[in-house]
Amino acid sequence: MKSLFSKSLSGKNAAIAFTSFVVLLTALGVFFFEGSKKTVAITLNGEEKVVKTHAGTVKELLDELDVAAHSKDYLHPKAHNKVTNNLKVVWKQAKQVTIVKDNEGKTIWTTAGSVAELLNEQKIELNEHDKITPGPQAAIESKMNIGIHTAFRLSLVDGGKKQKVWSTSTTVADFLTQQGVELSELDRVEPSLTDSIKENGTVNVIRVEKVTDVVEEPVDFAVITKKDDRMPKGKENVITPGKQGLVSKQYQVVLENGKEVSRKLISEQTLAMKKDQVVAVGTKETALQVSRGSETGTEYYVTATAYTAYCNGCSGRTATGFNLRANPNAKIIAVDPRVIPLGTKVYVEGYGYAVAADTGGAIKGNKIDLFMSSKSDAYRWGRKQVKIKILK
């Protein structure tokens, strides 16, 4: 009995010992397996971590981490490089981006983190007036569209004031909005709001306004003539003096850039009525019509010049009251009354029969001035020495 118990105990001890040996061998295997792994610092899209791996190459390492690397991605070191202890691996996933610059687009792959980095990567330089959407600080996303509008110079004329400005607009309406230009209902723009704008072009904003202008204007009176056969021919006498009227006129005035371009009469109101002037005009023939009469009078030579009814300082009436302007064909001479009395009938060589009916400041002694109907006749006469005959 004792013998059987001893044998049974020995068998159990052997089994325990074998099991312990197997566990030890397994532990040692795991220890040696884990100990043989290489430590690698890897950065995946900016996220850093440390891993232990038996991978032989960088590609195998990425496969272990379920990272599907694309040929456009950034990977350092390269996929075929061997993995060594304390190796540093950096992987950035490339993203597809479309850049549209001034309506010309291209699609690229990039590992840039922001729009600014992408512009630097693509060697795209912008000035302060260019417009980019989204902005430079925006993060790059897959299948992102980036719009770039290059600014150009053009002229803006607003209300007649011209200035040079930068713009990235495509239409006139967008340009005015970008420049902060507001339009009133009547304002006009050249070219039209829907037209495209071009580099070195001009956008002209014409400020239009309508105002009301009230003006008081005089109304001239008419001159009504009445024949009077009791008055000498050519003599005039005012019977009823004329008086101007006054009217108030209201105009609608259109101004463009402050200058008047049109005026339309809206209303008219009479403030004072005009009063026509009535003038009596003599029709009685005067005794100044010269006939030959007797030609047996005194003859002598005088210096003769000529004048008209419209000469400088002339009133059109003679010293005896005769109206020269109403009688342009009259034969009248101006004389020195001390030599030839007024009213004397004479015959002037080269001029004809005439009446001494006028005087002149420069007519002294043996000088006379002949009345001519026109300046051209007076100039042709000039100054002459002529013979004059006093008629009886």
Protein backbone atom coordinates (compact mmCIF):
# COMPACT_ATOMS: atom_id res chain seq x y z
CA MET A 1 0.00 0.00 0.00
CA LYS A 2 2.80 2.33 0.93
CA SER A 3 4.63 1.45 -2.22
CA LEU A 4 1.69 2.31 -4.43
CA PHE A 5 1.24 5.73 -2.81
CA SER A 6 4.90 6.57 -3.30
CA LYS A 7 4.73 5.74 -6.99
CA SER A 8 1.65 7.90 -7.46
CA LEU A 9 3.29 10.90 -5.78
CA SER A 10 6.38 10.58 -7.91
CA GLY A 11 4.30 10.69 -11.11
CA LYS A 12 2.57 13.92 -10.11
CA ASN A 13 5.84 15.60 -9.30
CA ALA A 14 7.19 14.66 -12.69
CA ALA A 15 4.15 16.16 -14.42
CA ILE A 16 4.45 19.38 -12.48
CA ALA A 17 8.12 19.61 -13.24
CA PHE A 18 7.48 19.10 -16.98
CA THR A 19 4.78 21.71 -17.05
CA SER A 20 6.99 24.20 -15.29
CA PHE A 21 9.73 23.51 -17.77
CA VAL A 22 7.38 24.17 -20.72
CA VAL A 23 6.15 27.40 -19.17
CA LEU A 24 9.75 28.48 -18.61
CA LEU A 25 10.69 27.74 -22.16
CA THR A 26 7.63 29.70 -23.41
CA ALA A 27 8.45 32.67 -21.21
CA LEU A 28 12.02 32.62 -22.36
CA GLY A 29 10.82 32.48 -26.02
CA VAL A 30 8.47 35.41 -25.54
CA PHE A 31 11.20 37.34 -23.77
CA PHE A 32 13.68 36.72 -26.51
CA PHE A 33 11.03 37.50 -29.23
CA GLU A 34 10.04 40.79 -27.67
CA GLY A 35 13.59 41.68 -26.89
CA SER A 36 14.59 41.25 -30.49
CA LYS A 37 12.10 43.95 -31.68
CA LYS A 38 13.45 47.33 -32.90
CA THR A 39 12.19 50.61 -31.42
CA VAL A 40 10.95 53.08 -34.07
CA ALA A 41 9.65 56.70 -33.64
CA ILE A 42 7.03 57.28 -36.34
CA THR A 43 5.03 60.44 -37.19
CA LEU A 44 1.80 59.81 -39.08
CA ASN A 45 0.18 63.01 -40.46
CA GLY A 46 1.69 64.98 -37.60
CA GLU A 47 0.80 62.44 -34.86
CA GLU A 48 3.91 61.07 -33.14
CA LYS A 49 4.22 57.67 -31.49
CA VAL A 50 6.86 55.01 -30.65
CA VAL A 51 6.40 51.42 -31.80
CA LYS A 52 8.39 48.17 -31.52
CA THR A 53 8.58 46.05 -34.64
CA HIS A 54 10.20 43.06 -36.33
CA ALA A 55 9.48 44.71 -39.75
CA GLY A 56 12.47 44.54 -42.04
CA THR A 57 11.62 47.60 -44.19
CA VAL A 58 9.74 50.87 -43.80
CA LYS A 59 6.99 49.53 -46.10
CA GLU A 60 6.54 46.46 -43.87
CA LEU A 61 6.32 48.76 -40.87
CA LEU A 62 3.55 50.84 -42.52
CA ASP A 63 1.71 47.63 -43.46
CA GLU A 64 1.88 46.52 -39.82
CA LEU A 65 0.26 49.84 -38.86
CA ASP A 66 -2.40 49.54 -41.62
CA VAL A 67 -1.09 52.69 -43.35
CA ALA A 68 -1.72 52.63 -47.12
CA ALA A 69 1.07 54.81 -48.52
CA HIS A 70 0.50 56.48 -51.92
CA SER A 71 3.25 57.40 -54.36
CA LYS A 72 2.30 61.10 -53.97
CA ASP A 73 2.66 60.93 -50.16
CA TYR A 74 5.67 62.25 -48.29
CA LEU A 75 7.68 59.38 -46.73
CA HIS A 76 11.05 59.57 -45.08
CA PRO A 77 13.03 57.41 -45.24
CA LYS A 78 11.90 55.68 -48.44
CA ALA A 79 9.69 52.57 -48.36
CA HIS A 80 12.54 50.18 -49.31
CA ASN A 81 14.84 51.41 -46.49
CA LYS A 82 15.62 48.88 -43.73
CA VAL A 83 14.25 49.39 -40.28
CA THR A 84 16.92 49.90 -37.66
CA ASN A 85 16.68 50.48 -33.94
CA ASN A 86 15.71 54.05 -33.00
CA LEU A 87 14.80 54.86 -36.61
CA LYS A 88 12.63 57.98 -37.18
CA VAL A 89 9.92 57.64 -39.83
CA VAL A 90 7.75 60.53 -41.10
CA TRP A 91 4.70 60.00 -43.31
CA LYS A 92 2.38 62.71 -44.63
CA GLN A 93 -0.63 61.77 -46.68
CA ALA A 94 -0.91 63.73 -49.95
CA LYS A 95 -4.22 65.45 -50.73
CA GLN A 96 -5.69 66.34 -54.11
CA VAL A 97 -6.23 70.10 -54.53
CA THR A 98 -7.48 72.19 -57.48
CA ILE A 99 -5.95 75.67 -57.92
CA VAL A 100 -7.93 78.07 -60.14
CA LYS A 101 -5.92 81.19 -60.97
CA ASP A 102 -7.66 83.84 -63.08
CA ASN A 103 -10.07 81.23 -64.51
CA GLU A 104 -7.25 78.78 -65.37
CA GLY A 105 -7.29 75.66 -63.19
CA LYS A 106 -4.92 72.79 -62.44
CA THR A 107 -5.20 69.81 -60.07
CA ILE A 108 -2.21 68.79 -57.95
CA TRP A 109 -1.26 66.49 -55.07
CA THR A 110 0.24 68.14 -52.02
CA THR A 111 1.36 67.39 -48.49
CA ALA A 112 1.26 71.08 -47.49
CA GLY A 113 -0.55 71.72 -44.24
CA SER A 114 -1.98 75.14 -45.10
CA VAL A 115 -2.83 77.27 -48.14
CA ALA A 116 0.21 79.46 -47.43
CA GLU A 117 2.50 76.38 -47.46
CA LEU A 118 0.90 75.24 -50.72
CA LEU A 119 1.55 78.65 -52.37
CA ASN A 120 5.18 78.49 -51.25
CA GLU A 121 5.45 74.91 -52.49
CA GLN A 122 4.05 75.89 -55.91
CA LYS A 123 6.15 79.09 -56.03
CA ILE A 124 3.01 81.25 -56.41
CA GLU A 125 3.66 84.83 -55.28
CA LEU A 126 0.80 87.17 -54.40
CA ASN A 127 0.80 90.92 -53.75
CA GLU A 128 -1.27 92.66 -51.12
CA HIS A 129 -4.10 93.43 -53.56
CA ASP A 130 -4.56 89.87 -54.89
CA LYS A 131 -7.51 87.86 -53.61
CA ILE A 132 -7.31 84.21 -52.52
CA THR A 133 -10.12 81.95 -51.26
CA PRO A 134 -9.87 80.36 -48.75
CA GLY A 135 -7.32 82.49 -46.92
CA PRO A 136 -3.61 81.64 -46.48
CA GLN A 137 -4.12 80.28 -42.95
CA ALA A 138 -6.77 77.74 -43.97
CA ALA A 139 -5.84 74.05 -43.56
CA ILE A 140 -5.54 71.94 -46.70
CA GLU A 141 -8.39 69.46 -47.17
CA SER A 142 -8.87 66.70 -49.68
CA LYS A 143 -10.42 67.82 -52.99
CA MET A 144 -10.24 71.48 -51.90
CA ASN A 145 -10.73 74.25 -54.49
CA ILE A 146 -8.45 77.29 -54.09
CA GLY A 147 -9.34 80.41 -56.09
CA ILE A 148 -6.75 83.09 -56.88
CA HIS A 149 -7.68 86.41 -58.50
CA THR A 150 -4.72 88.52 -59.56
CA ALA A 151 -5.29 92.25 -58.95
CA PHE A 152 -4.84 94.74 -61.81
CA ARG A 153 -4.79 98.54 -62.11
CA LEU A 154 -7.56 100.66 -63.60
CA SER A 155 -9.07 104.14 -63.27
CA LEU A 156 -12.16 105.07 -61.26
CA VAL A 157 -13.81 108.40 -62.07
CA ASP A 158 -16.45 109.22 -59.46
CA GLY A 159 -18.33 112.49 -59.92
CA GLY A 160 -15.51 113.84 -62.11
CA LYS A 161 -12.75 112.93 -59.62
CA LYS A 162 -10.24 110.43 -61.03
CA GLN A 163 -8.11 107.97 -59.09
CA LYS A 164 -6.03 104.86 -59.82
CA VAL A 165 -7.15 101.71 -57.96
CA TRP A 166 -6.44 97.95 -57.74
CA SER A 167 -9.17 95.42 -58.41
CA THR A 168 -9.80 91.69 -58.70
CA SER A 169 -13.40 92.13 -59.86
CA THR A 170 -14.82 90.75 -63.07
CA THR A 171 -17.86 93.02 -63.60
CA VAL A 172 -18.45 96.73 -63.13
CA ALA A 173 -21.10 96.07 -60.46
CA ASP A 174 -18.74 93.86 -58.43
CA PHE A 175 -15.95 96.42 -58.84
CA LEU A 176 -18.08 99.27 -57.47
CA THR A 177 -19.12 97.12 -54.52
CA GLN A 178 -15.47 96.25 -53.84
CA GLN A 179 -14.56 99.95 -53.93
CA GLY A 180 -17.45 100.92 -51.64
CA VAL A 181 -19.10 103.12 -54.27
CA GLU A 182 -22.84 103.56 -53.74
CA LEU A 183 -25.15 104.67 -56.55
CA SER A 184 -28.29 106.77 -56.32
CA GLU A 185 -31.34 106.13 -58.49
CA LEU A 186 -30.38 108.68 -61.15
CA ASP A 187 -26.63 108.04 -61.31
CA ARG A 188 -25.20 106.66 -64.55
CA VAL A 189 -22.23 104.31 -64.97
CA GLU A 190 -20.05 103.83 -68.04
CA PRO A 191 -19.60 101.03 -69.00
CA SER A 192 -22.81 99.41 -67.75
CA LEU A 193 -22.96 97.44 -64.49
CA THR A 194 -23.08 94.06 -66.25
CA ASP A 195 -20.05 94.72 -68.45
CA SER A 196 -16.65 93.22 -67.72
CA ILE A 197 -13.78 95.41 -66.61
CA LYS A 198 -10.30 95.24 -68.05
CA GLU A 199 -6.80 96.12 -66.96
CA ASN A 200 -6.00 99.81 -67.53
CA GLY A 201 -9.69 100.46 -68.28
CA THR A 202 -11.84 103.24 -66.83
CA VAL A 203 -15.09 103.06 -64.86
CA ASN A 204 -16.90 106.39 -64.94
CA VAL A 205 -19.59 107.11 -62.34
CA ILE A 206 -21.66 110.12 -63.42
CA ARG A 207 -23.53 111.66 -60.51
CA VAL A 208 -26.95 112.82 -61.74
CA GLU A 209 -29.38 114.98 -59.80
CA LYS A 210 -32.52 116.95 -60.57
CA VAL A 211 -33.08 120.35 -58.95
CA THR A 212 -35.68 123.10 -59.26
CA ASP A 213 -34.63 126.61 -60.30
CA VAL A 214 -36.98 129.60 -60.08
CA VAL A 215 -36.05 132.59 -62.25
CA GLU A 216 -37.71 136.00 -62.60
CA GLU A 217 -37.39 137.28 -66.16
CA PRO A 218 -38.38 140.68 -67.61
CA VAL A 219 -40.86 140.81 -70.48
CA ASP A 220 -40.03 143.48 -73.08
CA PHE A 221 -42.81 145.79 -74.15
CA ALA A 222 -43.70 146.34 -77.79
CA VAL A 223 -43.41 149.71 -79.53
CA ILE A 224 -46.55 150.68 -81.41
CA THR A 225 -46.19 153.51 -83.91
CA LYS A 226 -48.98 155.81 -85.09
CA LYS A 227 -48.64 158.11 -88.07
CA ASP A 228 -49.21 161.80 -87.39
CA ASP A 229 -49.45 164.13 -90.42
CA ARG A 230 -49.34 167.17 -88.16
CA MET A 231 -45.72 166.45 -87.19
CA PRO A 232 -42.74 166.92 -89.53
CA LYS A 233 -41.70 163.80 -91.33
CA GLY A 234 -39.23 161.77 -89.28
CA LYS A 235 -40.07 163.37 -85.95
CA GLU A 236 -41.25 161.05 -83.15
CA ASN A 237 -43.15 161.71 -79.97
CA VAL A 238 -43.85 159.21 -77.17
CA ILE A 239 -47.57 159.25 -76.40
CA THR A 240 -47.65 156.40 -73.85
CA PRO A 241 -44.38 155.27 -72.20
CA GLY A 242 -43.74 151.53 -72.26
CA LYS A 243 -43.24 149.41 -69.16
CA GLN A 244 -41.56 146.01 -68.88
CA GLY A 245 -43.51 143.09 -67.44
CA LEU A 246 -42.15 140.46 -65.03
CA VAL A 247 -42.69 136.70 -65.13
CA SER A 248 -41.60 133.94 -62.71
CA LYS A 249 -40.49 130.72 -64.41
CA GLN A 250 -39.89 127.41 -62.64
CA TYR A 251 -37.43 125.03 -64.32
CA GLN A 252 -36.44 121.42 -63.70
CA VAL A 253 -32.66 121.34 -64.09
CA VAL A 254 -30.63 118.16 -64.62
CA LEU A 255 -27.06 118.29 -63.28
CA GLU A 256 -24.31 115.83 -64.14
CA ASN A 257 -21.31 116.00 -61.83
CA GLY A 258 -22.60 119.39 -60.69
CA LYS A 259 -22.86 120.87 -64.21
CA GLU A 260 -26.15 121.74 -65.90
CA VAL A 261 -26.92 119.57 -68.94
CA SER A 262 -30.62 120.28 -69.49
CA ARG A 263 -33.37 122.64 -68.38
CA LYS A 264 -37.11 122.09 -68.75
CA LEU A 265 -39.81 124.69 -68.05
CA ILE A 266 -42.31 123.34 -65.51
CA SER A 267 -44.52 126.33 -64.76
CA GLU A 268 -44.79 130.06 -65.48
CA GLN A 269 -46.48 132.85 -63.49
CA THR A 270 -46.94 136.49 -64.47
CA LEU A 271 -45.90 138.84 -61.67
CA ALA A 272 -46.39 142.12 -63.55
CA MET A 273 -48.08 142.84 -66.88
CA LYS A 274 -46.13 144.62 -69.60
CA LYS A 275 -47.40 147.92 -71.04
CA ASP A 276 -46.71 148.65 -74.70
CA GLN A 277 -45.21 151.99 -75.72
CA VAL A 278 -47.17 154.16 -78.18
CA VAL A 279 -45.14 156.53 -80.39
CA ALA A 280 -46.43 159.11 -82.84
CA VAL A 281 -44.34 159.37 -86.02
CA GLY A 282 -44.57 162.50 -88.14
CA THR A 283 -45.40 162.17 -91.82
CA LYS A 284 -45.57 165.88 -92.80
CA GLU A 285 -43.03 166.75 -95.47
CA THR A 286 -40.44 169.33 -94.31
CA ALA A 287 -39.09 172.26 -96.19
CA LEU A 288 -35.67 170.61 -96.39
CA GLN A 289 -36.26 169.24 -99.88
CA VAL A 290 -33.80 171.28 -101.95
CA SER A 291 -34.62 172.51 -105.44
CA ARG A 292 -32.22 174.13 -107.86
CA GLY A 293 -33.54 177.66 -107.24
CA SER A 294 -31.30 180.49 -108.27
CA GLU A 295 -27.63 179.60 -108.72
CA THR A 296 -26.36 183.16 -108.83
CA GLY A 297 -25.10 183.17 -105.22
CA THR A 298 -21.60 183.53 -103.80
CA GLU A 299 -19.05 180.85 -104.61
CA TYR A 300 -15.94 179.93 -102.64
CA TYR A 301 -13.80 176.91 -101.77
CA VAL A 302 -14.12 174.95 -98.51
CA THR A 303 -12.63 171.79 -96.98
CA ALA A 304 -15.29 169.06 -97.06
CA THR A 305 -15.38 165.84 -94.98
CA ALA A 306 -18.22 163.31 -94.58
CA TYR A 307 -20.17 161.71 -91.70
CA THR A 308 -23.10 159.33 -91.11
CA ALA A 309 -26.09 159.20 -88.76
CA TYR A 310 -24.35 156.41 -86.79
CA CYS A 311 -20.90 157.93 -86.24
CA ASN A 312 -19.36 157.89 -82.74
CA GLY A 313 -21.14 160.42 -80.53
CA CYS A 314 -23.89 161.02 -83.11
CA SER A 315 -27.54 161.01 -81.99
CA GLY A 316 -28.96 160.71 -85.48
CA ARG A 317 -30.61 164.10 -85.23
CA THR A 318 -29.24 167.37 -86.58
CA ALA A 319 -28.83 170.63 -84.68
CA THR A 320 -32.17 171.69 -86.19
CA GLY A 321 -33.96 168.51 -85.04
CA PHE A 322 -34.00 166.70 -88.35
CA ASN A 323 -34.00 162.86 -88.05
CA LEU A 324 -31.18 161.61 -90.28
CA ARG A 325 -31.76 157.92 -89.47
CA ALA A 326 -35.35 158.16 -90.64
CA ASN A 327 -34.27 160.03 -93.80
CA PRO A 328 -31.07 158.32 -95.04
CA ASN A 329 -31.30 159.92 -98.48
CA ALA A 330 -31.53 163.55 -97.27
CA LYS A 331 -28.91 166.04 -98.47
CA ILE A 332 -27.67 167.76 -95.30
CA ILE A 333 -24.41 169.52 -94.53
CA ALA A 334 -22.95 170.59 -91.21
CA VAL A 335 -21.57 174.15 -91.22
CA ASP A 336 -20.15 176.87 -89.05
CA PRO A 337 -23.28 179.06 -88.61
CA ARG A 338 -21.05 182.17 -88.45
CA VAL A 339 -20.02 181.47 -92.04
CA ILE A 340 -23.12 179.76 -93.46
CA PRO A 341 -26.36 180.33 -91.54
CA LEU A 342 -28.48 177.26 -90.69
CA GLY A 343 -31.27 176.75 -93.19
CA THR A 344 -29.18 178.05 -96.13
CA LYS A 345 -29.60 176.19 -99.39
CA VAL A 346 -26.30 175.39 -101.10
CA TYR A 347 -24.82 173.54 -104.03
CA VAL A 348 -21.70 171.45 -103.27
CA GLU A 349 -19.46 170.33 -106.06
CA GLY A 350 -19.52 166.52 -106.30
CA TYR A 351 -22.33 166.24 -103.71
CA GLY A 352 -25.24 168.21 -105.14
CA TYR A 353 -27.96 170.43 -103.72
CA ALA A 354 -28.20 170.45 -99.92
CA VAL A 355 -29.38 172.38 -96.86
CA ALA A 356 -27.15 173.67 -94.06
CA ALA A 357 -29.05 172.01 -91.18
CA ASP A 358 -26.36 170.71 -88.82
CA THR A 359 -23.27 171.83 -86.91
CA GLY A 360 -20.20 170.09 -85.51
CA GLY A 361 -17.56 170.75 -82.91
CA ALA A 362 -14.78 170.40 -85.49
CA ILE A 363 -16.58 172.46 -88.16
CA LYS A 364 -15.03 175.91 -87.89
CA GLY A 365 -14.59 178.57 -90.60
CA ASN A 366 -14.50 177.38 -94.20
CA LYS A 367 -15.18 173.73 -93.36
CA ILE A 368 -18.26 171.64 -94.02
CA ASP A 369 -19.28 168.04 -93.22
CA LEU A 370 -21.46 166.18 -95.73
CA PHE A 371 -24.11 163.68 -94.57
CA MET A 372 -23.76 160.25 -96.22
CA SER A 373 -26.15 157.31 -95.98
CA SER A 374 -23.38 154.72 -95.35
CA LYS A 375 -19.91 154.50 -93.88
CA SER A 376 -18.50 153.19 -97.13
CA ASP A 377 -19.70 156.34 -98.95
CA ALA A 378 -18.21 158.51 -96.20
CA TYR A 379 -14.84 156.72 -96.44
CA ARG A 380 -14.79 157.06 -100.22
CA TRP A 381 -15.39 160.81 -99.92
CA GLY A 382 -12.59 161.27 -97.46
CA ARG A 383 -11.37 164.90 -97.24
CA LYS A 384 -11.57 167.18 -100.28
CA GLN A 385 -11.24 170.82 -101.31
CA VAL A 386 -14.49 171.64 -103.13
CA LYS A 387 -16.32 174.64 -104.48
CA ILE A 388 -19.60 175.57 -102.75
CA LYS A 389 -22.24 177.94 -104.04
CA ILE A 390 -24.70 179.78 -101.81
CA LEU A 391 -28.18 179.66 -103.46
CA LYS A 392 -30.71 182.43 -103.31
